[in-house]
Amino acid sequence: MEQSPQIGDRIANKSAPPDDGAVRAWIGPEAFEHWAELQSWIEASYPGVFAPEWLYGGQKRGWSLRYKKTRAFCTFLPEYRRFSVVVVFGTAERENFEARRYSWRSQLVKLYDETRTYHDGKFLTAPIASADDRHEVMELLTMKRPPPSQG
């Protein structure tokens, strides 16, 4: 008997990366709206910079969509009824975050403080459940890598 998916479960069928329809069905229409908005923002703000790549992390981690040029920019995690984004902070990004610590919402600062720092950075996983969450992640990404100047 197969167990029903639980909130936060990943898409684990490794036969093929999920398409937009599969992601929408898995994370739900509201979360998918944030997914699509963030994708559009990255494409518009960083034209031609990133080629998103689906990665399969095994049965437990499932599929994720990574944006990377030479270094990781962010990774989208399609979770059952939820959407999260992983942003990796190196030393410079952590210093920038700390310099602006009091301008971030308290939920993000708490999440940041509770995220373990490894030798290769701090892997902040931010759930996106509202436009405010999405805009804050957009600010984090802009802080991490300013968009190329348009024009």
C-alpha atoms as a PDB file:
ATOM      1  CA  MET A   1       0.000   0.000   0.000  1.00  0.00           C
ATOM      2  CA  GLU A   2       1.484   3.314  -1.087  1.00  0.00           C
ATOM      3  CA  GLN A   3       1.537   6.132   1.436  1.00  0.00           C
ATOM      4  CA  SER A   4      -0.142   9.440   0.547  1.00  0.00           C
ATOM      5  CA  PRO A   5       2.261  12.331   0.071  1.00  0.00           C
ATOM      6  CA  GLN A   6       2.874  14.525   3.100  1.00  0.00           C
ATOM      7  CA  ILE A   7       3.307  18.303   3.011  1.00  0.00           C
ATOM      8  CA  GLY A   8       6.937  18.994   2.135  1.00  0.00           C
ATOM      9  CA  ASP A   9       7.516  15.693   0.281  1.00  0.00           C
ATOM     10  CA  ARG A  10       9.521  16.039  -2.916  1.00  0.00           C
ATOM     11  CA  ILE A  11       8.751  14.825  -6.426  1.00  0.00           C
ATOM     12  CA  ALA A  12      10.662  11.550  -6.334  1.00  0.00           C
ATOM     13  CA  ASN A  13       9.729   9.810  -9.608  1.00  0.00           C
ATOM     14  CA  LYS A  14      13.114   9.776 -11.323  1.00  0.00           C
ATOM     15  CA  SER A  15      11.903   8.683 -14.765  1.00  0.00           C
ATOM     16  CA  ALA A  16      11.885  12.288 -16.071  1.00  0.00           C
ATOM     17  CA  PRO A  17      12.103  15.833 -14.696  1.00  0.00           C
ATOM     18  CA  PRO A  18       8.667  17.283 -13.942  1.00  0.00           C
ATOM     19  CA  ASP A  19       7.089  19.689 -16.392  1.00  0.00           C
ATOM     20  CA  ASP A  20       5.097  22.776 -15.354  1.00  0.00           C
ATOM     21  CA  GLY A  21       1.868  20.770 -15.166  1.00  0.00           C
ATOM     22  CA  ALA A  22       3.399  18.199 -12.810  1.00  0.00           C
ATOM     23  CA  VAL A  23       4.954  20.935 -10.633  1.00  0.00           C
ATOM     24  CA  ARG A  24       1.638  22.811 -10.459  1.00  0.00           C
ATOM     25  CA  ALA A  25      -0.274  19.645  -9.512  1.00  0.00           C
ATOM     26  CA  TRP A  26       2.326  18.811  -6.822  1.00  0.00           C
ATOM     27  CA  ILE A  27       2.849  22.188  -5.150  1.00  0.00           C
ATOM     28  CA  GLY A  28      -0.675  23.540  -5.755  1.00  0.00           C
ATOM     29  CA  PRO A  29      -1.975  26.485  -7.811  1.00  0.00           C
ATOM     30  CA  GLU A  30      -1.151  29.233  -5.272  1.00  0.00           C
ATOM     31  CA  ALA A  31       2.422  28.051  -4.768  1.00  0.00           C
ATOM     32  CA  PHE A  32       2.794  27.571  -8.529  1.00  0.00           C
ATOM     33  CA  GLU A  33       1.850  31.210  -9.066  1.00  0.00           C
ATOM     34  CA  HIS A  34       4.846  32.193  -6.895  1.00  0.00           C
ATOM     35  CA  TRP A  35       7.016  29.639  -8.754  1.00  0.00           C
ATOM     36  CA  ALA A  36       6.071  31.130 -12.144  1.00  0.00           C
ATOM     37  CA  GLU A  37       6.434  34.740 -10.929  1.00  0.00           C
ATOM     38  CA  LEU A  38       9.916  34.061  -9.549  1.00  0.00           C
ATOM     39  CA  GLN A  39      10.951  32.262 -12.742  1.00  0.00           C
ATOM     40  CA  SER A  40       9.723  35.192 -14.851  1.00  0.00           C
ATOM     41  CA  TRP A  41      11.523  37.677 -12.612  1.00  0.00           C
ATOM     42  CA  ILE A  42      14.827  35.771 -12.922  1.00  0.00           C
ATOM     43  CA  GLU A  43      14.469  35.557 -16.716  1.00  0.00           C
ATOM     44  CA  ALA A  44      13.634  39.282 -16.982  1.00  0.00           C
ATOM     45  CA  SER A  45      16.265  40.486 -14.486  1.00  0.00           C
ATOM     46  CA  TYR A  46      19.091  38.211 -15.670  1.00  0.00           C
ATOM     47  CA  PRO A  47      18.421  37.751 -19.401  1.00  0.00           C
ATOM     48  CA  GLY A  48      20.503  34.935 -20.875  1.00  0.00           C
ATOM     49  CA  VAL A  49      22.508  34.482 -17.655  1.00  0.00           C
ATOM     50  CA  PHE A  50      21.041  31.246 -16.314  1.00  0.00           C
ATOM     51  CA  ALA A  51      19.946  28.007 -17.960  1.00  0.00           C
ATOM     52  CA  PRO A  52      17.788  26.370 -15.269  1.00  0.00           C
ATOM     53  CA  GLU A  53      18.680  22.721 -14.807  1.00  0.00           C
ATOM     54  CA  TRP A  54      16.607  19.962 -13.224  1.00  0.00           C
ATOM     55  CA  LEU A  55      18.608  17.885 -10.748  1.00  0.00           C
ATOM     56  CA  TYR A  56      17.546  14.577  -9.230  1.00  0.00           C
ATOM     57  CA  GLY A  57      18.756  14.197  -5.647  1.00  0.00           C
ATOM     58  CA  GLY A  58      17.540  10.652  -5.009  1.00  0.00           C
ATOM     59  CA  GLN A  59      14.376   9.219  -3.494  1.00  0.00           C
ATOM     60  CA  LYS A  60      14.481  11.456  -0.409  1.00  0.00           C
ATOM     61  CA  ARG A  61      15.428  14.779  -2.040  1.00  0.00           C
ATOM     62  CA  GLY A  62      13.659  14.285  -5.356  1.00  0.00           C
ATOM     63  CA  TRP A  63      13.757  16.889  -8.118  1.00  0.00           C
ATOM     64  CA  SER A  64      14.939  20.484  -7.797  1.00  0.00           C
ATOM     65  CA  LEU A  65      15.416  23.236 -10.369  1.00  0.00           C
ATOM     66  CA  ARG A  66      18.829  24.904 -10.080  1.00  0.00           C
ATOM     67  CA  TYR A  67      19.815  28.302 -11.424  1.00  0.00           C
ATOM     68  CA  LYS A  68      23.580  28.507 -11.785  1.00  0.00           C
ATOM     69  CA  LYS A  69      26.152  30.290 -13.932  1.00  0.00           C
ATOM     70  CA  THR A  70      29.580  29.538 -12.477  1.00  0.00           C
ATOM     71  CA  ARG A  71      28.279  29.579  -8.903  1.00  0.00           C
ATOM     72  CA  ALA A  72      24.883  28.549  -7.595  1.00  0.00           C
ATOM     73  CA  PHE A  73      22.342  31.378  -7.712  1.00  0.00           C
ATOM     74  CA  CYS A  74      19.299  29.611  -6.249  1.00  0.00           C
ATOM     75  CA  THR A  75      17.445  26.320  -6.360  1.00  0.00           C
ATOM     76  CA  PHE A  76      13.674  25.882  -6.553  1.00  0.00           C
ATOM     77  CA  LEU A  77      12.275  23.052  -4.425  1.00  0.00           C
ATOM     78  CA  PRO A  78       8.864  21.814  -5.544  1.00  0.00           C
ATOM     79  CA  GLU A  79       7.508  20.252  -2.352  1.00  0.00           C
ATOM     80  CA  TYR A  80       4.082  18.716  -1.863  1.00  0.00           C
ATOM     81  CA  ARG A  81       1.680  21.670  -1.329  1.00  0.00           C
ATOM     82  CA  ARG A  82       4.654  23.967  -0.759  1.00  0.00           C
ATOM     83  CA  PHE A  83       7.356  25.850  -2.671  1.00  0.00           C
ATOM     84  CA  SER A  84      10.747  26.756  -1.219  1.00  0.00           C
ATOM     85  CA  VAL A  85      13.875  28.373  -2.618  1.00  0.00           C
ATOM     86  CA  VAL A  86      17.421  27.590  -1.492  1.00  0.00           C
ATOM     87  CA  VAL A  87      19.824  30.531  -1.559  1.00  0.00           C
ATOM     88  CA  VAL A  88      23.495  29.832  -0.806  1.00  0.00           C
ATOM     89  CA  PHE A  89      25.347  32.547   1.078  1.00  0.00           C
ATOM     90  CA  GLY A  90      29.115  32.652   0.824  1.00  0.00           C
ATOM     91  CA  THR A  91      31.204  34.858   3.100  1.00  0.00           C
ATOM     92  CA  ALA A  92      30.491  38.082   1.174  1.00  0.00           C
ATOM     93  CA  GLU A  93      26.742  37.406   1.040  1.00  0.00           C
ATOM     94  CA  ARG A  94      26.635  36.687   4.782  1.00  0.00           C
ATOM     95  CA  GLU A  95      28.413  39.992   5.451  1.00  0.00           C
ATOM     96  CA  ASN A  96      25.899  41.801   3.206  1.00  0.00           C
ATOM     97  CA  PHE A  97      22.984  40.111   4.965  1.00  0.00           C
ATOM     98  CA  GLU A  98      24.365  41.084   8.382  1.00  0.00           C
ATOM     99  CA  ALA A  99      24.890  44.684   7.246  1.00  0.00           C
ATOM    100  CA  ARG A 100      21.176  44.833   6.390  1.00  0.00           C
ATOM    101  CA  ARG A 101      20.011  42.565   9.233  1.00  0.00           C
ATOM    102  CA  TYR A 102      17.472  45.046  10.608  1.00  0.00           C
ATOM    103  CA  SER A 103      15.866  45.759   7.236  1.00  0.00           C
ATOM    104  CA  TRP A 104      14.738  42.140   6.739  1.00  0.00           C
ATOM    105  CA  ARG A 105      11.487  40.753   8.134  1.00  0.00           C
ATOM    106  CA  SER A 106      11.915  38.988  11.484  1.00  0.00           C
ATOM    107  CA  GLN A 107      10.834  35.606  10.036  1.00  0.00           C
ATOM    108  CA  LEU A 108      13.703  35.716   7.527  1.00  0.00           C
ATOM    109  CA  VAL A 109      16.267  36.785  10.142  1.00  0.00           C
ATOM    110  CA  LYS A 110      15.131  33.917  12.401  1.00  0.00           C
ATOM    111  CA  LEU A 111      15.400  31.452   9.495  1.00  0.00           C
ATOM    112  CA  TYR A 112      18.834  32.835   8.616  1.00  0.00           C
ATOM    113  CA  ASP A 113      20.046  32.580  12.229  1.00  0.00           C
ATOM    114  CA  GLU A 114      18.777  28.993  12.512  1.00  0.00           C
ATOM    115  CA  THR A 115      20.442  27.897   9.258  1.00  0.00           C
ATOM    116  CA  ARG A 116      23.716  26.075   9.837  1.00  0.00           C
ATOM    117  CA  THR A 117      26.859  27.531   8.269  1.00  0.00           C
ATOM    118  CA  TYR A 118      29.127  25.026   6.493  1.00  0.00           C
ATOM    119  CA  HIS A 119      32.650  25.533   5.175  1.00  0.00           C
ATOM    120  CA  ASP A 120      31.193  26.213   1.711  1.00  0.00           C
ATOM    121  CA  GLY A 121      28.402  28.543   2.824  1.00  0.00           C
ATOM    122  CA  LYS A 122      25.017  28.872   4.456  1.00  0.00           C
ATOM    123  CA  PHE A 123      22.216  27.098   2.583  1.00  0.00           C
ATOM    124  CA  LEU A 124      19.101  29.106   3.449  1.00  0.00           C
ATOM    125  CA  THR A 125      15.839  27.366   2.515  1.00  0.00           C
ATOM    126  CA  ALA A 126      13.081  29.964   2.355  1.00  0.00           C
ATOM    127  CA  PRO A 127       9.454  28.867   1.979  1.00  0.00           C
ATOM    128  CA  ILE A 128       7.464  31.048  -0.444  1.00  0.00           C
ATOM    129  CA  ALA A 129       3.860  31.285   0.743  1.00  0.00           C
ATOM    130  CA  SER A 130       3.096  34.939  -0.014  1.00  0.00           C
ATOM    131  CA  ALA A 131       4.058  37.821  -2.282  1.00  0.00           C
ATOM    132  CA  ASP A 132       6.052  39.256   0.667  1.00  0.00           C
ATOM    133  CA  ASP A 133       8.078  36.026   0.906  1.00  0.00           C
ATOM    134  CA  ARG A 134       8.698  36.072  -2.837  1.00  0.00           C
ATOM    135  CA  HIS A 135       9.762  39.740  -2.840  1.00  0.00           C
ATOM    136  CA  GLU A 136      12.128  39.147   0.053  1.00  0.00           C
ATOM    137  CA  VAL A 137      13.761  36.241  -1.796  1.00  0.00           C
ATOM    138  CA  MET A 138      14.056  38.497  -4.846  1.00  0.00           C
ATOM    139  CA  GLU A 139      15.862  41.035  -2.638  1.00  0.00           C
ATOM    140  CA  LEU A 140      18.178  38.304  -1.331  1.00  0.00           C
ATOM    141  CA  LEU A 141      18.971  37.214  -4.880  1.00  0.00           C
ATOM    142  CA  THR A 142      19.587  40.807  -5.986  1.00  0.00           C
ATOM    143  CA  MET A 143      21.913  41.252  -3.005  1.00  0.00           C
ATOM    144  CA  LYS A 144      23.705  38.000  -3.908  1.00  0.00           C
ATOM    145  CA  ARG A 145      24.115  38.922  -7.572  1.00  0.00           C
ATOM    146  CA  PRO A 146      23.011  42.337  -8.814  1.00  0.00           C
ATOM    147  CA  PRO A 147      21.198  42.084 -12.160  1.00  0.00           C
ATOM    148  CA  PRO A 148      23.248  43.178 -15.176  1.00  0.00           C
ATOM    149  CA  SER A 149      22.475  46.765 -16.161  1.00  0.00           C
ATOM    150  CA  GLN A 150      19.817  46.891 -18.849  1.00  0.00           C
ATOM    151  CA  GLY A 151      20.780  48.943 -21.852  1.00  0.00           C
END
